[in-house]
Amino acid sequence: MDREPEEMQFLGVVGVYKEAYKIINSWKKIFNLLTLSLILPLSFVFLFHIEVSHLLIGKIESNAEEMSQTQEGTPRYQKLSDLLPAEWAYYFLFQIAYLIFFITLSLLSTSAVVYTIASIYTARDVTFKNVMSVVPKVWHRLFMTFLCTFVAFLAINLMAVAVILIWVVIIGITNASLAILGVLSILYIVGILYLSIVWQLSNVVSVLEESYGFLAMIKSRELIKGKMWLASFILLTLNLSFFLVKFSFEKLVVNGWKLGAVDRTIYGIICFLLISNLFLFSLVLQTLLYFVCKSYHHENIDKSVLSDRLDVYLGEYEPLKTKDVQLEQCHV
């Protein structure tokens, strides 16, 4: 990155997007290799899940409808009755397998991109071989942060369900109660958005600093102060882009039987390439957001020290030390 650390704080949405594009374009070789090895498989798993889930659910719904129209006690009814539980079991097993593969590839991609950009930031000679050798050593830190974030998301959702149930039982369903529940729903969405931003930034913290897990989330929450609108806008635009590509894939490929096999294949390839670029771009953006937040708080990363700590990943792994890597306050 050509910008000095103290200049990063002044980047707005357009500036962050331009910087992300500039980094990817300037280091095409390494990012192309990372895309081929990690992000393309991640994108394939993502789209493959949509296609297969649609087929499985369609088959379950078809058999359930046929069963509802079949007389009870007949051999056909008994066959469908035995078949549906097995089909639901296959569906849930597929969802579990998808989550395992998707989360693993997502965390591996995150660790690779964050390490690469940190190496670029410190003007290190970054190679694909070095990055891939570091990824397994960083992955477990990101996984611990993911587990802690999952617990936080689970707690928020359980709390939301509990509030709704208690509200319906005690207060009942009235116009006033529905209005209040609407306000609470907005607060719930804001909370989910906030936690999503904290999680994305905590992934970068887990790679570049000593903290991971809940400590990385706490650190991320402190960093995001003052840059919440920037982070929120970036997250919302990325999610909107992912939704549009996913929606297009479902309409044109999954449900686009009338288009023909050739057209569906072309649209599938286009969606595959778009989603791959979005995954890469989003990982670069969240890493840049980390540096922007650091700069905004007038904290300075010693590039030589950070470079030395990145070298640790290439040898025997040791936890990063806060006193070495944490940003020092630079009052201006």
C-alpha atoms as a PDB file:
ATOM      1  CA  MET A   1       0.000   0.000   0.000  1.00  0.00           C
ATOM      2  CA  ASP A   2       1.331   3.383  -1.007  1.00  0.00           C
ATOM      3  CA  ARG A   3      -0.522   5.379   1.641  1.00  0.00           C
ATOM      4  CA  GLU A   4       1.104   6.251   4.934  1.00  0.00           C
ATOM      5  CA  PRO A   5      -0.634   4.869   8.061  1.00  0.00           C
ATOM      6  CA  GLU A   6      -1.795   8.296   9.229  1.00  0.00           C
ATOM      7  CA  GLU A   7      -3.477   8.904   5.855  1.00  0.00           C
ATOM      8  CA  MET A   8      -5.671   5.805   6.056  1.00  0.00           C
ATOM      9  CA  GLN A   9      -8.085   7.427   8.518  1.00  0.00           C
ATOM     10  CA  PHE A  10      -9.259   9.910   5.887  1.00  0.00           C
ATOM     11  CA  LEU A  11     -10.429   7.236   3.458  1.00  0.00           C
ATOM     12  CA  GLY A  12     -14.168   7.205   2.845  1.00  0.00           C
ATOM     13  CA  VAL A  13     -16.234   4.528   1.133  1.00  0.00           C
ATOM     14  CA  VAL A  14     -14.980   5.428  -2.351  1.00  0.00           C
ATOM     15  CA  GLY A  15     -11.388   5.682  -1.098  1.00  0.00           C
ATOM     16  CA  VAL A  16     -11.507   2.262   0.568  1.00  0.00           C
ATOM     17  CA  TYR A  17     -12.979   0.675  -2.555  1.00  0.00           C
ATOM     18  CA  LYS A  18     -10.332   2.321  -4.752  1.00  0.00           C
ATOM     19  CA  GLU A  19      -7.554   1.181  -2.429  1.00  0.00           C
ATOM     20  CA  ALA A  20      -8.878  -2.386  -2.458  1.00  0.00           C
ATOM     21  CA  TYR A  21      -9.026  -2.406  -6.263  1.00  0.00           C
ATOM     22  CA  LYS A  22      -5.521  -0.930  -6.465  1.00  0.00           C
ATOM     23  CA  ILE A  23      -4.081  -3.598  -4.179  1.00  0.00           C
ATOM     24  CA  ILE A  24      -5.701  -6.469  -6.080  1.00  0.00           C
ATOM     25  CA  ASN A  25      -4.676  -5.009  -9.433  1.00  0.00           C
ATOM     26  CA  SER A  26      -1.083  -4.336  -8.326  1.00  0.00           C
ATOM     27  CA  TRP A  27      -0.606  -7.854  -6.943  1.00  0.00           C
ATOM     28  CA  LYS A  28      -2.541  -9.822  -9.548  1.00  0.00           C
ATOM     29  CA  LYS A  29      -0.300 -12.873  -9.496  1.00  0.00           C
ATOM     30  CA  ILE A  30      -0.589 -13.667  -5.782  1.00  0.00           C
ATOM     31  CA  PHE A  31      -4.316 -12.869  -5.630  1.00  0.00           C
ATOM     32  CA  ASN A  32      -5.006 -14.939  -8.748  1.00  0.00           C
ATOM     33  CA  LEU A  33      -3.246 -17.896  -7.147  1.00  0.00           C
ATOM     34  CA  LEU A  34      -5.170 -17.439  -3.899  1.00  0.00           C
ATOM     35  CA  THR A  35      -8.393 -17.224  -5.879  1.00  0.00           C
ATOM     36  CA  LEU A  36      -7.660 -20.429  -7.789  1.00  0.00           C
ATOM     37  CA  SER A  37      -6.620 -22.391  -4.699  1.00  0.00           C
ATOM     38  CA  LEU A  38      -9.095 -21.153  -2.062  1.00  0.00           C
ATOM     39  CA  ILE A  39     -11.727 -18.699  -3.260  1.00  0.00           C
ATOM     40  CA  LEU A  40     -12.893 -20.582  -6.353  1.00  0.00           C
ATOM     41  CA  PRO A  41     -13.520 -23.748  -4.286  1.00  0.00           C
ATOM     42  CA  LEU A  42     -15.320 -21.580  -1.713  1.00  0.00           C
ATOM     43  CA  SER A  43     -17.516 -20.083  -4.449  1.00  0.00           C
ATOM     44  CA  PHE A  44     -18.216 -23.505  -5.938  1.00  0.00           C
ATOM     45  CA  VAL A  45     -19.309 -24.882  -2.561  1.00  0.00           C
ATOM     46  CA  PHE A  46     -21.545 -21.830  -2.028  1.00  0.00           C
ATOM     47  CA  LEU A  47     -23.358 -22.169  -5.373  1.00  0.00           C
ATOM     48  CA  PHE A  48     -23.379 -25.986  -5.294  1.00  0.00           C
ATOM     49  CA  HIS A  49     -25.178 -25.799  -1.948  1.00  0.00           C
ATOM     50  CA  ILE A  50     -27.930 -23.639  -3.458  1.00  0.00           C
ATOM     51  CA  GLU A  51     -28.444 -26.034  -6.379  1.00  0.00           C
ATOM     52  CA  VAL A  52     -28.450 -29.264  -4.351  1.00  0.00           C
ATOM     53  CA  SER A  53     -30.589 -27.817  -1.537  1.00  0.00           C
ATOM     54  CA  HIS A  54     -33.179 -26.795  -4.118  1.00  0.00           C
ATOM     55  CA  LEU A  55     -33.223 -30.298  -5.613  1.00  0.00           C
ATOM     56  CA  LEU A  56     -33.511 -32.018  -2.228  1.00  0.00           C
ATOM     57  CA  ILE A  57     -36.265 -29.716  -0.971  1.00  0.00           C
ATOM     58  CA  GLY A  58     -38.111 -30.051  -4.277  1.00  0.00           C
ATOM     59  CA  LYS A  59     -38.035 -33.834  -4.004  1.00  0.00           C
ATOM     60  CA  ILE A  60     -39.209 -33.741  -0.380  1.00  0.00           C
ATOM     61  CA  GLU A  61     -42.078 -31.386  -1.206  1.00  0.00           C
ATOM     62  CA  SER A  62     -43.108 -33.500  -4.197  1.00  0.00           C
ATOM     63  CA  ASN A  63     -43.192 -36.693  -2.128  1.00  0.00           C
ATOM     64  CA  ALA A  64     -45.017 -34.941   0.726  1.00  0.00           C
ATOM     65  CA  GLU A  65     -47.662 -33.633  -1.666  1.00  0.00           C
ATOM     66  CA  GLU A  66     -48.064 -37.056  -3.261  1.00  0.00           C
ATOM     67  CA  MET A  67     -48.364 -38.592   0.190  1.00  0.00           C
ATOM     68  CA  SER A  68     -51.134 -36.162   1.156  1.00  0.00           C
ATOM     69  CA  GLN A  69     -53.077 -37.258  -1.936  1.00  0.00           C
ATOM     70  CA  THR A  70     -52.513 -40.982  -1.355  1.00  0.00           C
ATOM     71  CA  GLN A  71     -54.913 -43.081   0.682  1.00  0.00           C
ATOM     72  CA  GLU A  72     -53.586 -44.160   4.056  1.00  0.00           C
ATOM     73  CA  GLY A  73     -52.790 -47.823   4.515  1.00  0.00           C
ATOM     74  CA  THR A  74     -51.851 -48.417   0.881  1.00  0.00           C
ATOM     75  CA  PRO A  75     -48.382 -49.748  -0.034  1.00  0.00           C
ATOM     76  CA  ARG A  76     -47.603 -46.481  -1.840  1.00  0.00           C
ATOM     77  CA  TYR A  77     -48.510 -44.447   1.221  1.00  0.00           C
ATOM     78  CA  GLN A  78     -46.347 -46.632   3.444  1.00  0.00           C
ATOM     79  CA  LYS A  79     -43.433 -46.342   1.018  1.00  0.00           C
ATOM     80  CA  LEU A  80     -43.678 -42.548   0.978  1.00  0.00           C
ATOM     81  CA  SER A  81     -44.045 -42.481   4.761  1.00  0.00           C
ATOM     82  CA  ASP A  82     -40.777 -44.405   5.116  1.00  0.00           C
ATOM     83  CA  LEU A  83     -39.031 -42.373   2.401  1.00  0.00           C
ATOM     84  CA  LEU A  84     -39.656 -38.868   3.752  1.00  0.00           C
ATOM     85  CA  PRO A  85     -37.683 -39.238   7.037  1.00  0.00           C
ATOM     86  CA  ALA A  86     -34.718 -40.600   5.077  1.00  0.00           C
ATOM     87  CA  GLU A  87     -34.873 -37.708   2.641  1.00  0.00           C
ATOM     88  CA  TRP A  88     -34.981 -35.180   5.498  1.00  0.00           C
ATOM     89  CA  ALA A  89     -31.988 -36.952   7.057  1.00  0.00           C
ATOM     90  CA  TYR A  90     -30.061 -36.651   3.774  1.00  0.00           C
ATOM     91  CA  TYR A  91     -30.990 -32.975   3.590  1.00  0.00           C
ATOM     92  CA  PHE A  92     -29.734 -32.156   7.091  1.00  0.00           C
ATOM     93  CA  LEU A  93     -26.574 -34.213   6.618  1.00  0.00           C
ATOM     94  CA  PHE A  94     -25.898 -32.266   3.430  1.00  0.00           C
ATOM     95  CA  GLN A  95     -26.389 -28.968   5.302  1.00  0.00           C
ATOM     96  CA  ILE A  96     -23.923 -30.057   7.978  1.00  0.00           C
ATOM     97  CA  ALA A  97     -21.365 -31.119   5.364  1.00  0.00           C
ATOM     98  CA  TYR A  98     -21.841 -27.806   3.554  1.00  0.00           C
ATOM     99  CA  LEU A  99     -21.282 -25.777   6.725  1.00  0.00           C
ATOM    100  CA  ILE A 100     -18.093 -27.707   7.504  1.00  0.00           C
ATOM    101  CA  PHE A 101     -16.640 -27.184   4.028  1.00  0.00           C
ATOM    102  CA  PHE A 102     -17.823 -23.574   3.697  1.00  0.00           C
ATOM    103  CA  ILE A 103     -16.564 -22.450   7.120  1.00  0.00           C
ATOM    104  CA  THR A 104     -13.225 -24.201   6.627  1.00  0.00           C
ATOM    105  CA  LEU A 105     -12.621 -22.671   3.187  1.00  0.00           C
ATOM    106  CA  SER A 106     -13.866 -19.276   4.366  1.00  0.00           C
ATOM    107  CA  LEU A 107     -11.464 -19.163   7.313  1.00  0.00           C
ATOM    108  CA  LEU A 108      -8.571 -20.409   5.196  1.00  0.00           C
ATOM    109  CA  SER A 109      -9.292 -17.727   2.582  1.00  0.00           C
ATOM    110  CA  THR A 110      -9.523 -15.048   5.261  1.00  0.00           C
ATOM    111  CA  SER A 111      -6.217 -15.982   6.851  1.00  0.00           C
ATOM    112  CA  ALA A 112      -4.502 -16.080   3.444  1.00  0.00           C
ATOM    113  CA  VAL A 113      -5.793 -12.685   2.287  1.00  0.00           C
ATOM    114  CA  VAL A 114      -5.165 -10.935   5.623  1.00  0.00           C
ATOM    115  CA  TYR A 115      -1.611 -12.277   5.812  1.00  0.00           C
ATOM    116  CA  THR A 116      -0.980 -11.285   2.182  1.00  0.00           C
ATOM    117  CA  ILE A 117      -2.165  -7.700   2.666  1.00  0.00           C
ATOM    118  CA  ALA A 118      -0.185  -7.385   5.914  1.00  0.00           C
ATOM    119  CA  SER A 119       2.894  -8.552   4.015  1.00  0.00           C
ATOM    120  CA  ILE A 120       2.219  -5.991   1.296  1.00  0.00           C
ATOM    121  CA  TYR A 121       1.740  -3.321   3.980  1.00  0.00           C
ATOM    122  CA  THR A 122       5.168  -4.106   5.453  1.00  0.00           C
ATOM    123  CA  ALA A 123       6.801  -4.221   1.978  1.00  0.00           C
ATOM    124  CA  ARG A 124       7.711  -7.881   2.406  1.00  0.00           C
ATOM    125  CA  ASP A 125       8.450 -10.226  -0.472  1.00  0.00           C
ATOM    126  CA  VAL A 126       5.196 -12.174  -0.358  1.00  0.00           C
ATOM    127  CA  THR A 127       4.982 -15.448  -2.285  1.00  0.00           C
ATOM    128  CA  PHE A 128       2.176 -17.936  -2.740  1.00  0.00           C
ATOM    129  CA  LYS A 129       4.267 -20.661  -1.116  1.00  0.00           C
ATOM    130  CA  ASN A 130       4.839 -18.569   2.019  1.00  0.00           C
ATOM    131  CA  VAL A 131       1.178 -17.629   2.281  1.00  0.00           C
ATOM    132  CA  MET A 132      -0.014 -21.221   1.980  1.00  0.00           C
ATOM    133  CA  SER A 133       2.505 -22.363   4.578  1.00  0.00           C
ATOM    134  CA  VAL A 134       1.189 -19.755   7.013  1.00  0.00           C
ATOM    135  CA  VAL A 135      -2.529 -20.436   6.501  1.00  0.00           C
ATOM    136  CA  PRO A 136      -2.745 -23.652   8.595  1.00  0.00           C
ATOM    137  CA  LYS A 137      -0.934 -21.931  11.482  1.00  0.00           C
ATOM    138  CA  VAL A 138      -3.334 -18.984  11.538  1.00  0.00           C
ATOM    139  CA  TRP A 139      -6.504 -20.962  10.865  1.00  0.00           C
ATOM    140  CA  HIS A 140      -7.074 -22.203  14.407  1.00  0.00           C
ATOM    141  CA  ARG A 141      -7.038 -18.634  15.754  1.00  0.00           C
ATOM    142  CA  LEU A 142      -9.746 -17.638  13.285  1.00  0.00           C
ATOM    143  CA  PHE A 143     -11.716 -20.765  14.158  1.00  0.00           C
ATOM    144  CA  MET A 144     -11.728 -19.861  17.850  1.00  0.00           C
ATOM    145  CA  THR A 145     -12.933 -16.360  16.959  1.00  0.00           C
ATOM    146  CA  PHE A 146     -15.647 -17.901  14.760  1.00  0.00           C
ATOM    147  CA  LEU A 147     -16.822 -20.135  17.619  1.00  0.00           C
ATOM    148  CA  CYS A 148     -17.026 -17.172  19.996  1.00  0.00           C
ATOM    149  CA  THR A 149     -18.941 -15.147  17.418  1.00  0.00           C
ATOM    150  CA  PHE A 150     -21.286 -18.089  16.849  1.00  0.00           C
ATOM    151  CA  VAL A 151     -22.004 -18.169  20.579  1.00  0.00           C
ATOM    152  CA  ALA A 152     -22.752 -14.428  20.494  1.00  0.00           C
ATOM    153  CA  PHE A 153     -25.094 -14.810  17.505  1.00  0.00           C
ATOM    154  CA  LEU A 154     -26.793 -17.771  19.169  1.00  0.00           C
ATOM    155  CA  ALA A 155     -27.298 -15.802  22.384  1.00  0.00           C
ATOM    156  CA  ILE A 156     -28.860 -12.867  20.516  1.00  0.00           C
ATOM    157  CA  ASN A 157     -31.229 -15.134  18.587  1.00  0.00           C
ATOM    158  CA  LEU A 158     -32.262 -17.106  21.660  1.00  0.00           C
ATOM    159  CA  MET A 159     -32.885 -13.860  23.493  1.00  0.00           C
ATOM    160  CA  ALA A 160     -35.000 -12.576  20.589  1.00  0.00           C
ATOM    161  CA  VAL A 161     -37.097 -15.761  20.503  1.00  0.00           C
ATOM    162  CA  ALA A 162     -37.541 -15.657  24.287  1.00  0.00           C
ATOM    163  CA  VAL A 163     -38.680 -12.018  24.181  1.00  0.00           C
ATOM    164  CA  ILE A 164     -41.225 -12.750  21.448  1.00  0.00           C
ATOM    165  CA  LEU A 165     -42.638 -15.797  23.247  1.00  0.00           C
ATOM    166  CA  ILE A 166     -42.880 -14.017  26.594  1.00  0.00           C
ATOM    167  CA  TRP A 167     -44.394 -10.966  24.937  1.00  0.00           C
ATOM    168  CA  VAL A 168     -47.068 -12.997  23.123  1.00  0.00           C
ATOM    169  CA  VAL A 169     -47.961 -15.020  26.225  1.00  0.00           C
ATOM    170  CA  ILE A 170     -48.074 -12.112  28.694  1.00  0.00           C
ATOM    171  CA  ILE A 171     -49.083  -9.118  26.589  1.00  0.00           C
ATOM    172  CA  GLY A 172     -50.890 -10.852  23.759  1.00  0.00           C
ATOM    173  CA  ILE A 173     -51.244  -9.789  20.137  1.00  0.00           C
ATOM    174  CA  THR A 174     -52.604  -6.256  19.864  1.00  0.00           C
ATOM    175  CA  ASN A 175     -51.902  -3.334  17.566  1.00  0.00           C
ATOM    176  CA  ALA A 176     -49.792  -1.691  20.276  1.00  0.00           C
ATOM    177  CA  SER A 177     -47.820  -4.868  21.004  1.00  0.00           C
ATOM    178  CA  LEU A 178     -47.179  -5.445  17.290  1.00  0.00           C
ATOM    179  CA  ALA A 179     -45.854  -1.890  16.970  1.00  0.00           C
ATOM    180  CA  ILE A 180     -43.485  -2.429  19.888  1.00  0.00           C
ATOM    181  CA  LEU A 181     -42.390  -5.764  18.474  1.00  0.00           C
ATOM    182  CA  GLY A 182     -41.671  -3.959  15.203  1.00  0.00           C
ATOM    183  CA  VAL A 183     -39.360  -1.552  17.031  1.00  0.00           C
ATOM    184  CA  LEU A 184     -37.684  -4.479  18.791  1.00  0.00           C
ATOM    185  CA  SER A 185     -37.231  -6.198  15.424  1.00  0.00           C
ATOM    186  CA  ILE A 186     -35.409  -3.134  14.103  1.00  0.00           C
ATOM    187  CA  LEU A 187     -33.147  -3.171  17.175  1.00  0.00           C
ATOM    188  CA  TYR A 188     -32.525  -6.882  16.577  1.00  0.00           C
ATOM    189  CA  ILE A 189     -31.482  -6.237  12.955  1.00  0.00           C
ATOM    190  CA  VAL A 190     -29.174  -3.419  14.078  1.00  0.00           C
ATOM    191  CA  GLY A 191     -27.646  -5.741  16.678  1.00  0.00           C
ATOM    192  CA  ILE A 192     -27.030  -8.452  14.074  1.00  0.00           C
ATOM    193  CA  LEU A 193     -25.450  -5.910  11.736  1.00  0.00           C
ATOM    194  CA  TYR A 194     -23.217  -4.586  14.517  1.00  0.00           C
ATOM    195  CA  LEU A 195     -22.110  -8.078  15.524  1.00  0.00           C
ATOM    196  CA  SER A 196     -21.374  -8.930  11.882  1.00  0.00           C
ATOM    197  CA  ILE A 197     -19.089  -5.895  11.591  1.00  0.00           C
ATOM    198  CA  VAL A 198     -17.339  -6.780  14.843  1.00  0.00           C
ATOM    199  CA  TRP A 199     -16.833 -10.350  13.630  1.00  0.00           C
ATOM    200  CA  GLN A 200     -15.320  -9.323  10.302  1.00  0.00           C
ATOM    201  CA  LEU A 201     -12.868  -6.953  11.950  1.00  0.00           C
ATOM    202  CA  SER A 202     -12.047  -9.461  14.685  1.00  0.00           C
ATOM    203  CA  ASN A 203     -10.912 -11.902  11.981  1.00  0.00           C
ATOM    204  CA  VAL A 204      -8.170  -9.462  10.995  1.00  0.00           C
ATOM    205  CA  VAL A 205      -7.298  -8.837  14.652  1.00  0.00           C
ATOM    206  CA  SER A 206      -6.967 -12.606  15.174  1.00  0.00           C
ATOM    207  CA  VAL A 207      -4.337 -12.828  12.427  1.00  0.00           C
ATOM    208  CA  LEU A 208      -2.316  -9.675  13.090  1.00  0.00           C
ATOM    209  CA  GLU A 209      -2.495  -9.360  16.864  1.00  0.00           C
ATOM    210  CA  GLU A 210      -2.220 -11.520  19.936  1.00  0.00           C
ATOM    211  CA  SER A 211      -5.950 -11.465  20.668  1.00  0.00           C
ATOM    212  CA  TYR A 212      -8.374 -14.013  19.297  1.00  0.00           C
ATOM    213  CA  GLY A 213     -11.756 -15.339  20.360  1.00  0.00           C
ATOM    214  CA  PHE A 214     -13.730 -13.042  22.643  1.00  0.00           C
ATOM    215  CA  LEU A 215     -10.659 -10.843  23.192  1.00  0.00           C
ATOM    216  CA  ALA A 216     -10.453 -10.195  19.454  1.00  0.00           C
ATOM    217  CA  MET A 217     -14.133  -9.267  19.438  1.00  0.00           C
ATOM    218  CA  ILE A 218     -13.590  -6.808  22.289  1.00  0.00           C
ATOM    219  CA  LYS A 219     -10.614  -5.312  20.466  1.00  0.00           C
ATOM    220  CA  SER A 220     -12.654  -5.100  17.272  1.00  0.00           C
ATOM    221  CA  ARG A 221     -15.500  -3.341  19.078  1.00  0.00           C
ATOM    222  CA  GLU A 222     -13.088  -0.684  20.309  1.00  0.00           C
ATOM    223  CA  LEU A 223     -11.566  -0.222  16.870  1.00  0.00           C
ATOM    224  CA  ILE A 224     -14.884   0.196  15.115  1.00  0.00           C
ATOM    225  CA  LYS A 225     -15.832   3.226  17.208  1.00  0.00           C
ATOM    226  CA  GLY A 226     -15.928   6.313  15.031  1.00  0.00           C
ATOM    227  CA  LYS A 227     -16.013   4.298  11.806  1.00  0.00           C
ATOM    228  CA  MET A 228     -19.339   2.547  12.296  1.00  0.00           C
ATOM    229  CA  TRP A 229     -21.068   4.284   9.383  1.00  0.00           C
ATOM    230  CA  LEU A 230     -18.226   3.459   7.020  1.00  0.00           C
ATOM    231  CA  ALA A 231     -18.145  -0.183   8.118  1.00  0.00           C
ATOM    232  CA  SER A 232     -21.946  -0.479   8.006  1.00  0.00           C
ATOM    233  CA  PHE A 233     -22.179   0.932   4.490  1.00  0.00           C
ATOM    234  CA  ILE A 234     -19.436  -1.380   3.220  1.00  0.00           C
ATOM    235  CA  LEU A 235     -21.075  -4.416   4.861  1.00  0.00           C
ATOM    236  CA  LEU A 236     -24.535  -3.524   3.516  1.00  0.00           C
ATOM    237  CA  THR A 237     -23.290  -2.951  -0.045  1.00  0.00           C
ATOM    238  CA  LEU A 238     -21.373  -6.226   0.003  1.00  0.00           C
ATOM    239  CA  ASN A 239     -24.358  -8.155   1.372  1.00  0.00           C
ATOM    240  CA  LEU A 240     -26.595  -6.550  -1.244  1.00  0.00           C
ATOM    241  CA  SER A 241     -24.163  -7.601  -3.967  1.00  0.00           C
ATOM    242  CA  PHE A 242     -24.036 -11.168  -2.639  1.00  0.00           C
ATOM    243  CA  PHE A 243     -27.844 -11.246  -2.476  1.00  0.00           C
ATOM    244  CA  LEU A 244     -28.213 -10.032  -6.070  1.00  0.00           C
ATOM    245  CA  VAL A 245     -25.786 -12.656  -7.390  1.00  0.00           C
ATOM    246  CA  LYS A 246     -27.441 -15.388  -5.306  1.00  0.00           C
ATOM    247  CA  PHE A 247     -30.896 -14.269  -6.455  1.00  0.00           C
ATOM    248  CA  SER A 248     -29.766 -14.249 -10.094  1.00  0.00           C
ATOM    249  CA  PHE A 249     -28.263 -17.727  -9.736  1.00  0.00           C
ATOM    250  CA  GLU A 250     -31.489 -19.085  -8.264  1.00  0.00           C
ATOM    251  CA  LYS A 251     -33.688 -17.509 -10.930  1.00  0.00           C
ATOM    252  CA  LEU A 252     -31.519 -18.086 -14.002  1.00  0.00           C
ATOM    253  CA  VAL A 253     -29.723 -21.337 -13.145  1.00  0.00           C
ATOM    254  CA  VAL A 254     -31.553 -23.225 -10.414  1.00  0.00           C
ATOM    255  CA  ASN A 255     -35.079 -22.355 -11.571  1.00  0.00           C
ATOM    256  CA  GLY A 256     -34.271 -21.394 -15.162  1.00  0.00           C
ATOM    257  CA  TRP A 257     -35.264 -24.665 -16.784  1.00  0.00           C
ATOM    258  CA  LYS A 258     -36.956 -22.875 -19.707  1.00  0.00           C
ATOM    259  CA  LEU A 259     -33.707 -21.142 -20.671  1.00  0.00           C
ATOM    260  CA  GLY A 260     -32.052 -24.302 -21.927  1.00  0.00           C
ATOM    261  CA  ALA A 261     -28.905 -26.094 -20.807  1.00  0.00           C
ATOM    262  CA  VAL A 262     -26.486 -23.817 -22.692  1.00  0.00           C
ATOM    263  CA  ASP A 263     -27.958 -20.563 -21.370  1.00  0.00           C
ATOM    264  CA  ARG A 264     -28.114 -21.926 -17.828  1.00  0.00           C
ATOM    265  CA  THR A 265     -24.470 -22.985 -18.038  1.00  0.00           C
ATOM    266  CA  ILE A 266     -23.405 -19.544 -19.267  1.00  0.00           C
ATOM    267  CA  TYR A 267     -25.355 -17.804 -16.507  1.00  0.00           C
ATOM    268  CA  GLY A 268     -23.918 -20.255 -13.983  1.00  0.00           C
ATOM    269  CA  ILE A 269     -20.358 -19.439 -15.045  1.00  0.00           C
ATOM    270  CA  ILE A 270     -21.071 -15.703 -14.855  1.00  0.00           C
ATOM    271  CA  CYS A 271     -22.516 -16.027 -11.336  1.00  0.00           C
ATOM    272  CA  PHE A 272     -19.569 -18.214 -10.328  1.00  0.00           C
ATOM    273  CA  LEU A 273     -17.055 -15.599 -11.467  1.00  0.00           C
ATOM    274  CA  LEU A 274     -19.020 -12.764  -9.871  1.00  0.00           C
ATOM    275  CA  ILE A 275     -19.310 -14.493  -6.500  1.00  0.00           C
ATOM    276  CA  SER A 276     -15.595 -15.375  -6.562  1.00  0.00           C
ATOM    277  CA  ASN A 277     -14.633 -11.745  -7.141  1.00  0.00           C
ATOM    278  CA  LEU A 278     -17.017 -10.645  -4.403  1.00  0.00           C
ATOM    279  CA  PHE A 279     -15.474 -13.061  -1.895  1.00  0.00           C
ATOM    280  CA  LEU A 280     -11.969 -11.796  -2.680  1.00  0.00           C
ATOM    281  CA  PHE A 281     -13.003  -8.147  -2.695  1.00  0.00           C
ATOM    282  CA  SER A 282     -14.850  -8.475   0.635  1.00  0.00           C
ATOM    283  CA  LEU A 283     -11.801 -10.028   2.336  1.00  0.00           C
ATOM    284  CA  VAL A 284      -9.537  -7.261   1.049  1.00  0.00           C
ATOM    285  CA  LEU A 285     -12.043  -4.626   2.186  1.00  0.00           C
ATOM    286  CA  GLN A 286     -12.320  -5.955   5.733  1.00  0.00           C
ATOM    287  CA  THR A 287      -8.517  -5.985   6.040  1.00  0.00           C
ATOM    288  CA  LEU A 288      -8.308  -2.400   4.778  1.00  0.00           C
ATOM    289  CA  LEU A 289     -11.044  -1.408   7.224  1.00  0.00           C
ATOM    290  CA  TYR A 290      -8.794  -2.683  10.017  1.00  0.00           C
ATOM    291  CA  PHE A 291      -5.988  -0.326   8.952  1.00  0.00           C
ATOM    292  CA  VAL A 292      -8.447   2.564   8.533  1.00  0.00           C
ATOM    293  CA  CYS A 293      -9.775   2.062  12.063  1.00  0.00           C
ATOM    294  CA  LYS A 294      -6.254   1.820  13.447  1.00  0.00           C
ATOM    295  CA  SER A 295      -5.295   5.051  11.726  1.00  0.00           C
ATOM    296  CA  TYR A 296      -8.477   6.776  12.887  1.00  0.00           C
ATOM    297  CA  HIS A 297      -7.573   6.056  16.520  1.00  0.00           C
ATOM    298  CA  HIS A 298      -4.085   7.501  15.859  1.00  0.00           C
ATOM    299  CA  GLU A 299      -2.474   4.147  16.453  1.00  0.00           C
ATOM    300  CA  ASN A 300       0.653   3.244  14.596  1.00  0.00           C
ATOM    301  CA  ILE A 301       1.900  -0.186  13.586  1.00  0.00           C
ATOM    302  CA  ASP A 302       5.657  -0.470  13.513  1.00  0.00           C
ATOM    303  CA  LYS A 303       6.153  -2.045  10.091  1.00  0.00           C
ATOM    304  CA  SER A 304       9.490  -3.608  10.983  1.00  0.00           C
ATOM    305  CA  VAL A 305       8.067  -5.202  14.131  1.00  0.00           C
ATOM    306  CA  LEU A 306       4.973  -6.422  12.309  1.00  0.00           C
ATOM    307  CA  SER A 307       7.197  -7.868   9.592  1.00  0.00           C
ATOM    308  CA  ASP A 308       9.236  -9.700  12.215  1.00  0.00           C
ATOM    309  CA  ARG A 309       6.076 -11.092  13.766  1.00  0.00           C
ATOM    310  CA  LEU A 310       4.812 -12.223  10.359  1.00  0.00           C
ATOM    311  CA  ASP A 311       8.102 -14.104   9.996  1.00  0.00           C
ATOM    312  CA  VAL A 312       7.165 -16.068  13.095  1.00  0.00           C
ATOM    313  CA  TYR A 313       4.341 -17.687  11.143  1.00  0.00           C
ATOM    314  CA  LEU A 314       6.875 -19.015   8.673  1.00  0.00           C
ATOM    315  CA  GLY A 315       8.729 -20.824  11.421  1.00  0.00           C
ATOM    316  CA  GLU A 316       7.567 -22.413  14.625  1.00  0.00           C
ATOM    317  CA  TYR A 317       4.334 -20.710  15.625  1.00  0.00           C
ATOM    318  CA  GLU A 318       4.329 -18.446  18.653  1.00  0.00           C
ATOM    319  CA  PRO A 319       1.498 -16.180  19.823  1.00  0.00           C
ATOM    320  CA  LEU A 320       1.900 -12.562  18.851  1.00  0.00           C
ATOM    321  CA  LYS A 321       2.801 -10.291  21.737  1.00  0.00           C
ATOM    322  CA  THR A 322       0.645  -7.293  22.429  1.00  0.00           C
ATOM    323  CA  LYS A 323       3.578  -5.075  23.325  1.00  0.00           C
ATOM    324  CA  ASP A 324       5.204  -5.856  19.971  1.00  0.00           C
ATOM    325  CA  VAL A 325       2.297  -5.701  17.555  1.00  0.00           C
ATOM    326  CA  GLN A 326      -0.431  -3.679  19.250  1.00  0.00           C
ATOM    327  CA  LEU A 327      -0.731  -0.194  17.941  1.00  0.00           C
ATOM    328  CA  GLU A 328       0.882   2.571  19.880  1.00  0.00           C
ATOM    329  CA  GLN A 329      -0.981   5.846  20.388  1.00  0.00           C
ATOM    330  CA  CYS A 330       0.245   8.665  18.160  1.00  0.00           C
ATOM    331  CA  HIS A 331      -1.367  11.912  19.279  1.00  0.00           C
ATOM    332  CA  VAL A 332      -1.680  14.530  16.579  1.00  0.00           C
END
